[in-house]
Amino acid sequence: MIRAVLFDFYDTLAHVRGDAVLAARREIARRAGLDEAAMAALWRDTAAERMLGTMGTLEQQIDTLLRQLGRVVPASQLRELAAIDLRAWTDGVVLYPDARPALETLKARGYRLGVLSNCSCQAGQAIETSGLADLFDTMALSFRLGLAKPQPEIYLHACAALGVAPTETVFVADGAFGELDAARALGIVAVLIEQPHQSRAYGASAQWDYRVDSLAAVPPLIDDVARQVSRPEGR
């Protein structure tokens, strides 16, 4: 039977105003007296490390980037620069209109819910302050766990936190990082969601079980999948 639904966050439950984040990072470079293009390149080159949490706090991340470009600034300025980046993320998250209604419907029907996201600490904080946190039974955030999709361990961690087996779980995502392929390999039912404003910046998945074009379509699909797998001839 299906007992839980995991959701990717970015480009699934919400999208980000990327222009706002990029503008904030240009402002950080200007305030630090550095070349904007060089700083932008370092943000891009360290994405994987920041998602795994290996570069420390946001202040430590920025300090590392500045030092790589030959700049050392006092702790007070690091806090100021970090606040600029964090504010861009928290202000830049835009929930899809049907995100909360879809989650509330699933919750009311008894499904356990979780977020499974590859995110830096600032992107993770934006998830926690997005207005959806009260609906989730667990949040598996890569920067906290030191694990990232498509590593099987992060899916298994999320399932364990929800108290369910992978085969009792559905994962809804835009497909970045090959995340749906990895989910299917564990026996998780994989649902591709394609909707406006998705960035497509982190690749795609090759395989999935179902496709939807809105979050409103997810609850009826989950119920249908649950009925199918509960029958002997089901998936």
Protein backbone atom coordinates (compact mmCIF):
# COMPACT_ATOMS: atom_id res chain seq x y z
CA MET A 1 0.00 0.00 0.00
CA ILE A 2 1.05 3.63 -0.45
CA ARG A 3 1.52 5.35 2.91
CA ALA A 4 3.75 8.35 2.18
CA VAL A 5 4.50 11.00 -0.43
CA LEU A 6 7.89 12.68 -0.78
CA PHE A 7 8.22 15.94 -2.67
CA ASP A 8 11.19 17.68 -4.16
CA PHE A 9 10.90 21.35 -3.22
CA TYR A 10 12.49 23.61 -5.82
CA ASP A 11 10.78 23.49 -9.23
CA THR A 12 8.19 21.15 -7.68
CA LEU A 13 6.43 22.87 -4.77
CA ALA A 14 7.98 26.27 -5.50
CA HIS A 15 10.18 28.09 -7.94
CA VAL A 16 12.81 30.75 -7.25
CA ARG A 17 13.18 34.18 -8.75
CA GLY A 18 16.67 33.44 -9.97
CA ASP A 19 17.23 37.00 -11.12
CA ALA A 20 16.83 38.20 -7.53
CA VAL A 21 19.42 35.72 -6.26
CA LEU A 22 21.87 36.65 -9.01
CA ALA A 23 21.36 40.36 -8.32
CA ALA A 24 22.06 39.78 -4.62
CA ARG A 25 25.27 37.97 -5.44
CA ARG A 26 26.39 40.79 -7.70
CA GLU A 27 25.73 43.14 -4.79
CA ILE A 28 27.84 40.92 -2.51
CA ALA A 29 30.73 41.07 -4.99
CA ARG A 30 30.43 44.86 -5.28
CA ARG A 31 30.39 45.38 -1.51
CA ALA A 32 33.44 43.14 -1.17
CA GLY A 33 35.22 45.04 -3.95
CA LEU A 34 35.49 42.02 -6.22
CA ASP A 35 34.85 41.25 -9.86
CA GLU A 36 31.22 40.17 -10.23
CA ALA A 37 31.92 37.56 -12.93
CA ALA A 38 34.72 35.94 -10.93
CA MET A 39 32.52 35.75 -7.84
CA ALA A 40 29.61 34.33 -9.85
CA ALA A 41 31.89 31.61 -11.23
CA LEU A 42 32.87 30.56 -7.70
CA TRP A 43 29.22 30.37 -6.61
CA ARG A 44 28.57 28.04 -9.56
CA ASP A 45 31.72 25.95 -9.06
CA THR A 46 30.97 25.29 -5.38
CA ALA A 47 27.29 24.37 -5.79
CA ALA A 48 27.81 20.67 -5.07
CA GLU A 49 29.91 21.35 -1.96
CA ARG A 50 27.41 23.84 -0.61
CA MET A 51 24.53 21.40 -1.17
CA LEU A 52 26.41 18.79 0.86
CA GLY A 53 27.11 21.26 3.63
CA THR A 54 30.87 20.79 3.46
CA MET A 55 31.59 24.54 3.32
CA GLY A 56 29.99 25.30 6.68
CA THR A 57 27.66 28.16 7.52
CA LEU A 58 26.69 30.82 5.00
CA GLU A 59 29.21 33.22 6.52
CA GLN A 60 31.91 30.54 6.21
CA GLN A 61 30.93 29.88 2.61
CA ILE A 62 31.24 33.53 1.68
CA ASP A 63 34.51 33.86 3.58
CA THR A 64 35.94 30.92 1.62
CA LEU A 65 34.84 32.40 -1.71
CA LEU A 66 36.27 35.81 -0.87
CA ARG A 67 39.59 34.34 0.26
CA GLN A 68 39.86 32.41 -3.01
CA LEU A 69 39.69 35.78 -4.74
CA GLY A 70 42.23 37.32 -2.39
CA ARG A 71 39.84 39.25 -0.16
CA VAL A 72 39.54 39.02 3.63
CA VAL A 73 36.78 40.95 5.39
CA PRO A 74 35.82 41.25 9.07
CA ALA A 75 33.16 39.05 10.64
CA SER A 76 30.71 41.95 10.79
CA GLN A 77 30.88 42.38 7.03
CA LEU A 78 30.55 38.63 6.47
CA ARG A 79 27.30 38.72 8.45
CA GLU A 80 26.09 41.62 6.32
CA LEU A 81 26.95 39.84 3.07
CA ALA A 82 25.34 36.60 4.26
CA ALA A 83 22.16 38.48 5.13
CA ILE A 84 21.96 39.78 1.56
CA ASP A 85 22.13 36.27 0.09
CA LEU A 86 19.73 34.78 2.63
CA ARG A 87 17.18 37.53 2.09
CA ALA A 88 17.32 36.99 -1.68
CA TRP A 89 16.48 33.31 -1.16
CA THR A 90 13.72 33.75 1.40
CA ASP A 91 12.13 36.59 -0.57
CA GLY A 92 12.68 34.86 -3.90
CA VAL A 93 10.77 31.63 -3.20
CA VAL A 94 7.40 31.58 -4.94
CA LEU A 95 5.07 28.73 -4.01
CA TYR A 96 3.02 27.22 -6.79
CA PRO A 97 -0.61 28.26 -6.09
CA ASP A 98 -1.83 24.70 -5.62
CA ALA A 99 1.09 23.59 -3.41
CA ARG A 100 -0.54 24.04 -0.02
CA PRO A 101 -4.01 22.81 -1.09
CA ALA A 102 -2.47 19.65 -2.57
CA LEU A 103 -0.45 18.96 0.57
CA GLU A 104 -3.41 19.63 2.84
CA THR A 105 -5.54 17.22 0.81
CA LEU A 106 -2.94 14.46 1.06
CA LYS A 107 -2.47 15.10 4.77
CA ALA A 108 -6.22 14.91 5.37
CA ARG A 109 -6.30 11.56 3.57
CA GLY A 110 -3.76 10.13 5.97
CA TYR A 111 -0.58 10.16 3.90
CA ARG A 112 2.71 10.97 5.61
CA LEU A 113 4.51 13.79 3.83
CA GLY A 114 8.15 14.74 3.41
CA VAL A 115 10.50 17.02 1.51
CA LEU A 116 13.59 15.62 -0.18
CA SER A 117 15.76 18.46 -1.45
CA ASN A 118 19.27 19.12 -2.68
CA CYS A 119 19.89 22.55 -1.19
CA SER A 120 22.48 24.81 0.35
CA CYS A 121 21.93 26.13 3.86
CA GLN A 122 20.34 29.35 2.62
CA ALA A 123 18.06 27.50 0.21
CA GLY A 124 17.21 25.11 3.05
CA GLN A 125 16.27 27.97 5.35
CA ALA A 126 14.02 29.31 2.61
CA ILE A 127 12.27 25.92 2.53
CA GLU A 128 11.73 26.01 6.29
CA THR A 129 10.24 29.52 6.16
CA SER A 130 8.17 28.99 3.01
CA GLY A 131 4.90 28.48 4.88
CA LEU A 132 4.64 24.75 4.21
CA ALA A 133 6.78 23.34 7.03
CA ASP A 134 3.79 22.57 9.26
CA LEU A 135 2.53 20.04 6.71
CA PHE A 136 5.65 17.89 6.56
CA ASP A 137 6.48 14.96 8.79
CA THR A 138 10.14 15.13 7.77
CA MET A 139 12.53 17.28 5.78
CA ALA A 140 15.51 15.52 4.25
CA LEU A 141 17.76 18.43 3.28
CA SER A 142 21.06 17.58 1.65
CA PHE A 143 23.19 20.23 3.36
CA ARG A 144 22.19 18.82 6.77
CA LEU A 145 22.61 15.16 5.92
CA GLY A 146 25.78 15.33 3.84
CA LEU A 147 23.86 13.29 1.25
CA ALA A 148 22.30 14.37 -2.03
CA LYS A 149 20.09 12.98 -4.75
CA PRO A 150 20.61 10.69 -6.59
CA GLN A 151 22.44 8.89 -3.74
CA PRO A 152 20.18 6.05 -2.56
CA GLU A 153 20.97 6.82 1.09
CA ILE A 154 19.09 10.12 1.11
CA TYR A 155 15.90 8.42 -0.13
CA LEU A 156 16.28 5.66 2.42
CA HIS A 157 16.85 8.22 5.17
CA ALA A 158 13.64 10.05 4.21
CA CYS A 159 11.62 6.83 4.09
CA ALA A 160 12.97 5.73 7.47
CA ALA A 161 12.11 9.11 8.97
CA LEU A 162 8.55 8.67 7.70
CA GLY A 163 8.39 5.10 9.02
CA VAL A 164 7.67 3.59 5.60
CA ALA A 165 9.36 1.29 3.11
CA PRO A 166 10.44 2.66 -0.28
CA THR A 167 7.75 0.51 -1.93
CA GLU A 168 5.14 2.30 0.19
CA THR A 169 6.28 5.70 -1.04
CA VAL A 170 5.62 8.04 -3.97
CA PHE A 171 8.16 10.70 -4.97
CA VAL A 172 7.03 13.79 -6.90
CA ALA A 173 9.74 15.87 -8.57
CA ASP A 174 10.79 17.79 -11.66
CA GLY A 175 13.45 15.18 -12.40
CA ALA A 176 16.67 17.15 -11.78
CA PHE A 177 19.83 15.26 -10.76
CA GLY A 178 18.39 12.03 -12.19
CA GLU A 179 16.30 11.94 -9.02
CA LEU A 180 13.37 10.02 -10.47
CA ASP A 181 15.60 7.30 -11.93
CA ALA A 182 17.19 6.84 -8.51
CA ALA A 183 13.79 6.69 -6.82
CA ARG A 184 12.51 4.02 -9.22
CA ALA A 185 15.62 1.93 -8.64
CA LEU A 186 14.63 1.71 -4.97
CA GLY A 187 11.05 0.72 -5.72
CA ILE A 188 9.62 4.18 -5.04
CA VAL A 189 6.80 5.22 -7.39
CA ALA A 190 8.22 8.15 -9.38
CA VAL A 191 6.03 11.03 -10.58
CA LEU A 192 7.39 13.65 -12.96
CA ILE A 193 5.82 17.09 -12.61
CA GLU A 194 6.17 19.59 -15.45
CA GLN A 195 4.92 23.11 -14.79
CA PRO A 196 5.86 26.73 -15.55
CA HIS A 197 8.99 28.47 -14.22
CA GLN A 198 11.07 25.31 -13.76
CA SER A 199 14.74 26.15 -14.19
CA ARG A 200 16.02 22.91 -15.81
CA ALA A 201 19.46 23.90 -14.51
CA TYR A 202 20.33 20.57 -12.90
CA GLY A 203 19.62 18.00 -15.57
CA ALA A 204 16.72 15.61 -15.98
CA SER A 205 15.56 12.07 -15.35
CA ALA A 206 15.17 9.42 -18.01
CA GLN A 207 12.43 7.32 -16.42
CA TRP A 208 9.37 7.77 -14.26
CA ASP A 209 6.08 5.99 -13.63
CA TYR A 210 3.60 8.83 -14.04
CA ARG A 211 3.57 12.43 -15.26
CA VAL A 212 1.43 15.37 -14.08
CA ASP A 213 1.33 19.02 -15.09
CA SER A 214 0.14 20.52 -11.80
CA LEU A 215 0.21 19.84 -8.08
CA ALA A 216 -3.59 19.77 -8.10
CA ALA A 217 -3.33 16.55 -10.11
CA VAL A 218 -1.19 14.83 -7.47
CA PRO A 219 -3.78 13.84 -4.81
CA PRO A 220 -6.10 12.03 -7.23
CA LEU A 221 -3.11 10.34 -8.84
CA ILE A 222 -1.80 9.17 -5.44
CA ASP A 223 -5.20 7.73 -4.56
CA ASP A 224 -5.32 5.93 -7.89
CA VAL A 225 -1.81 4.54 -7.45
CA ALA A 226 -2.68 3.44 -3.92
CA ARG A 227 -5.69 1.52 -5.22
CA GLN A 228 -3.58 -0.14 -7.92
CA VAL A 229 -0.79 -1.31 -5.63
CA SER A 230 -3.25 -2.61 -3.04
CA ARG A 231 -4.60 -5.11 -5.59
CA PRO A 232 -2.67 -8.34 -6.26
CA GLU A 233 -2.40 -7.47 -9.94
CA GLY A 234 -1.18 -3.94 -9.17
CA ARG A 235 2.26 -2.51 -9.79
